[in-house]
Amino acid sequence: MLMLRAGEVVASGPIESTLTQEALSATFGLPLTLQRADGRYSARRRLRSHRHQQA
C-alpha cells in the first residue's frame, strides 16, 4: 500500500501495518478513526469532544 499527500509519501508497506488511523489522518489532513470488521476497513471523521469545541 502507498499513501500520498501532495505528491509526498505518507506511508507505505503491507496494508495491515500501513493502514492506520494516524496515516489516514495525515494523508487526508483530517482527524479520522479507522475500524476493521470482517476483513473490511471503514474510516470516519473523528469528532471533537464537547470540551474542545468550546475552546
N, C-alpha and C. Protein backbone atom coordinates (compact mmCIF):
# COMPACT_ATOMS: atom_id res chain seq x y z
N MET A 1 0.83 -1.16 0.00
CA MET A 1 0.00 0.00 0.00
C MET A 1 0.89 1.23 0.00
N LEU A 2 0.45 2.26 -0.72
CA LEU A 2 1.17 3.52 -0.77
C LEU A 2 0.18 4.65 -0.50
N MET A 3 0.47 5.48 0.48
CA MET A 3 -0.40 6.61 0.83
C MET A 3 0.37 7.90 0.55
N LEU A 4 -0.24 8.78 -0.25
CA LEU A 4 0.41 10.03 -0.66
C LEU A 4 -0.42 11.23 -0.24
N ARG A 5 0.27 12.32 0.03
CA ARG A 5 -0.37 13.63 0.26
C ARG A 5 0.49 14.66 -0.46
N ALA A 6 -0.11 15.38 -1.38
CA ALA A 6 0.58 16.41 -2.15
C ALA A 6 1.84 15.86 -2.82
N GLY A 7 1.75 14.62 -3.31
CA GLY A 7 2.87 14.02 -4.01
C GLY A 7 3.97 13.45 -3.12
N GLU A 8 3.80 13.54 -1.81
CA GLU A 8 4.79 13.03 -0.86
C GLU A 8 4.26 11.76 -0.20
N VAL A 9 5.15 10.81 0.03
CA VAL A 9 4.77 9.55 0.66
C VAL A 9 4.49 9.79 2.15
N VAL A 10 3.30 9.42 2.56
CA VAL A 10 2.93 9.48 3.98
C VAL A 10 3.24 8.14 4.64
N ALA A 11 2.90 7.05 3.95
CA ALA A 11 3.13 5.71 4.48
C ALA A 11 3.19 4.72 3.32
N SER A 12 3.95 3.65 3.51
CA SER A 12 4.00 2.59 2.52
C SER A 12 4.34 1.29 3.22
N GLY A 13 3.86 0.19 2.65
CA GLY A 13 4.14 -1.12 3.21
C GLY A 13 2.92 -2.00 3.15
N PRO A 14 2.97 -3.13 3.85
CA PRO A 14 1.83 -4.04 3.88
C PRO A 14 0.60 -3.35 4.48
N ILE A 15 -0.56 -3.63 3.94
CA ILE A 15 -1.78 -2.94 4.35
C ILE A 15 -2.03 -3.07 5.85
N GLU A 16 -1.73 -4.24 6.43
CA GLU A 16 -2.02 -4.46 7.85
C GLU A 16 -1.25 -3.52 8.76
N SER A 17 -0.04 -3.13 8.34
CA SER A 17 0.76 -2.24 9.20
C SER A 17 0.75 -0.79 8.70
N THR A 18 0.31 -0.56 7.48
CA THR A 18 0.35 0.77 6.89
C THR A 18 -0.96 1.52 7.04
N LEU A 19 -2.06 0.80 6.92
CA LEU A 19 -3.37 1.44 7.01
C LEU A 19 -3.74 1.63 8.48
N THR A 20 -3.36 2.79 9.00
CA THR A 20 -3.64 3.13 10.40
C THR A 20 -4.41 4.45 10.42
N GLN A 21 -5.07 4.72 11.54
CA GLN A 21 -5.80 5.99 11.60
C GLN A 21 -4.84 7.17 11.60
N GLU A 22 -3.64 7.01 12.11
CA GLU A 22 -2.66 8.09 12.08
C GLU A 22 -2.23 8.39 10.63
N ALA A 23 -1.95 7.33 9.86
CA ALA A 23 -1.54 7.52 8.47
C ALA A 23 -2.69 8.08 7.63
N LEU A 24 -3.90 7.59 7.85
CA LEU A 24 -5.06 8.12 7.12
C LEU A 24 -5.28 9.59 7.45
N SER A 25 -5.19 9.93 8.72
CA SER A 25 -5.38 11.32 9.14
C SER A 25 -4.35 12.23 8.49
N ALA A 26 -3.10 11.77 8.45
CA ALA A 26 -2.04 12.57 7.82
C ALA A 26 -2.26 12.68 6.31
N THR A 27 -2.73 11.62 5.68
CA THR A 27 -2.96 11.62 4.24
C THR A 27 -4.07 12.57 3.84
N PHE A 28 -5.17 12.55 4.59
CA PHE A 28 -6.33 13.37 4.24
C PHE A 28 -6.39 14.71 4.97
N GLY A 29 -5.50 14.92 5.94
CA GLY A 29 -5.49 16.18 6.66
C GLY A 29 -6.70 16.37 7.55
N LEU A 30 -7.28 15.26 8.00
CA LEU A 30 -8.45 15.29 8.88
C LEU A 30 -8.24 14.30 10.01
N PRO A 31 -8.80 14.56 11.18
CA PRO A 31 -8.73 13.55 12.23
C PRO A 31 -9.71 12.42 11.91
N LEU A 32 -9.19 11.23 11.66
CA LEU A 32 -10.03 10.09 11.28
C LEU A 32 -9.89 8.95 12.27
N THR A 33 -10.94 8.15 12.37
CA THR A 33 -10.88 6.89 13.10
C THR A 33 -10.97 5.78 12.07
N LEU A 34 -10.35 4.66 12.36
CA LEU A 34 -10.33 3.53 11.44
C LEU A 34 -10.83 2.31 12.18
N GLN A 35 -11.73 1.58 11.54
CA GLN A 35 -12.23 0.33 12.12
C GLN A 35 -12.09 -0.77 11.09
N ARG A 36 -11.86 -1.98 11.58
CA ARG A 36 -11.79 -3.15 10.70
C ARG A 36 -12.74 -4.20 11.24
N ALA A 37 -13.59 -4.71 10.37
CA ALA A 37 -14.53 -5.76 10.75
C ALA A 37 -14.71 -6.70 9.57
N ASP A 38 -14.60 -7.97 9.82
CA ASP A 38 -14.78 -9.00 8.79
C ASP A 38 -13.88 -8.76 7.58
N GLY A 39 -12.64 -8.30 7.82
CA GLY A 39 -11.69 -8.09 6.74
C GLY A 39 -11.90 -6.81 5.94
N ARG A 40 -12.84 -5.98 6.37
CA ARG A 40 -13.12 -4.71 5.67
C ARG A 40 -12.78 -3.55 6.59
N TYR A 41 -12.32 -2.48 5.97
CA TYR A 41 -11.96 -1.28 6.72
C TYR A 41 -13.00 -0.19 6.48
N SER A 42 -13.20 0.63 7.51
CA SER A 42 -14.02 1.83 7.33
C SER A 42 -13.39 2.96 8.12
N ALA A 43 -13.46 4.15 7.53
CA ALA A 43 -12.89 5.33 8.18
C ALA A 43 -13.97 6.38 8.32
N ARG A 44 -13.95 7.06 9.43
CA ARG A 44 -14.90 8.15 9.69
C ARG A 44 -14.15 9.30 10.31
N ARG A 45 -14.70 10.48 10.11
CA ARG A 45 -14.09 11.66 10.72
C ARG A 45 -14.24 11.58 12.24
N ARG A 46 -13.15 11.82 12.92
CA ARG A 46 -13.16 11.81 14.38
C ARG A 46 -13.76 13.12 14.85
N LEU A 47 -14.79 13.05 15.66
CA LEU A 47 -15.43 14.25 16.17
C LEU A 47 -14.67 14.76 17.38
N ARG A 48 -14.63 16.07 17.49
CA ARG A 48 -14.00 16.68 18.65
C ARG A 48 -14.87 16.47 19.87
N SER A 49 -14.25 16.40 21.02
CA SER A 49 -15.04 16.30 22.24
C SER A 49 -15.71 17.64 22.50
N HIS A 50 -16.77 17.62 23.24
CA HIS A 50 -17.53 18.83 23.57
C HIS A 50 -16.62 19.88 24.22
N ARG A 51 -15.70 19.40 25.05
CA ARG A 51 -14.78 20.28 25.76
C ARG A 51 -13.92 21.06 24.77
N HIS A 52 -13.44 20.42 23.68
CA HIS A 52 -12.59 21.09 22.71
C HIS A 52 -13.37 22.07 21.81
N GLN A 53 -14.66 21.81 21.61
CA GLN A 53 -15.45 22.67 20.75
C GLN A 53 -15.67 24.04 21.37
N GLN A 54 -15.68 24.14 22.67
CA GLN A 54 -15.93 25.41 23.33
C GLN A 54 -14.68 26.27 23.43
N ALA A 55 -13.52 25.67 23.25
CA ALA A 55 -12.26 26.42 23.42
C ALA A 55 -12.07 27.46 22.34
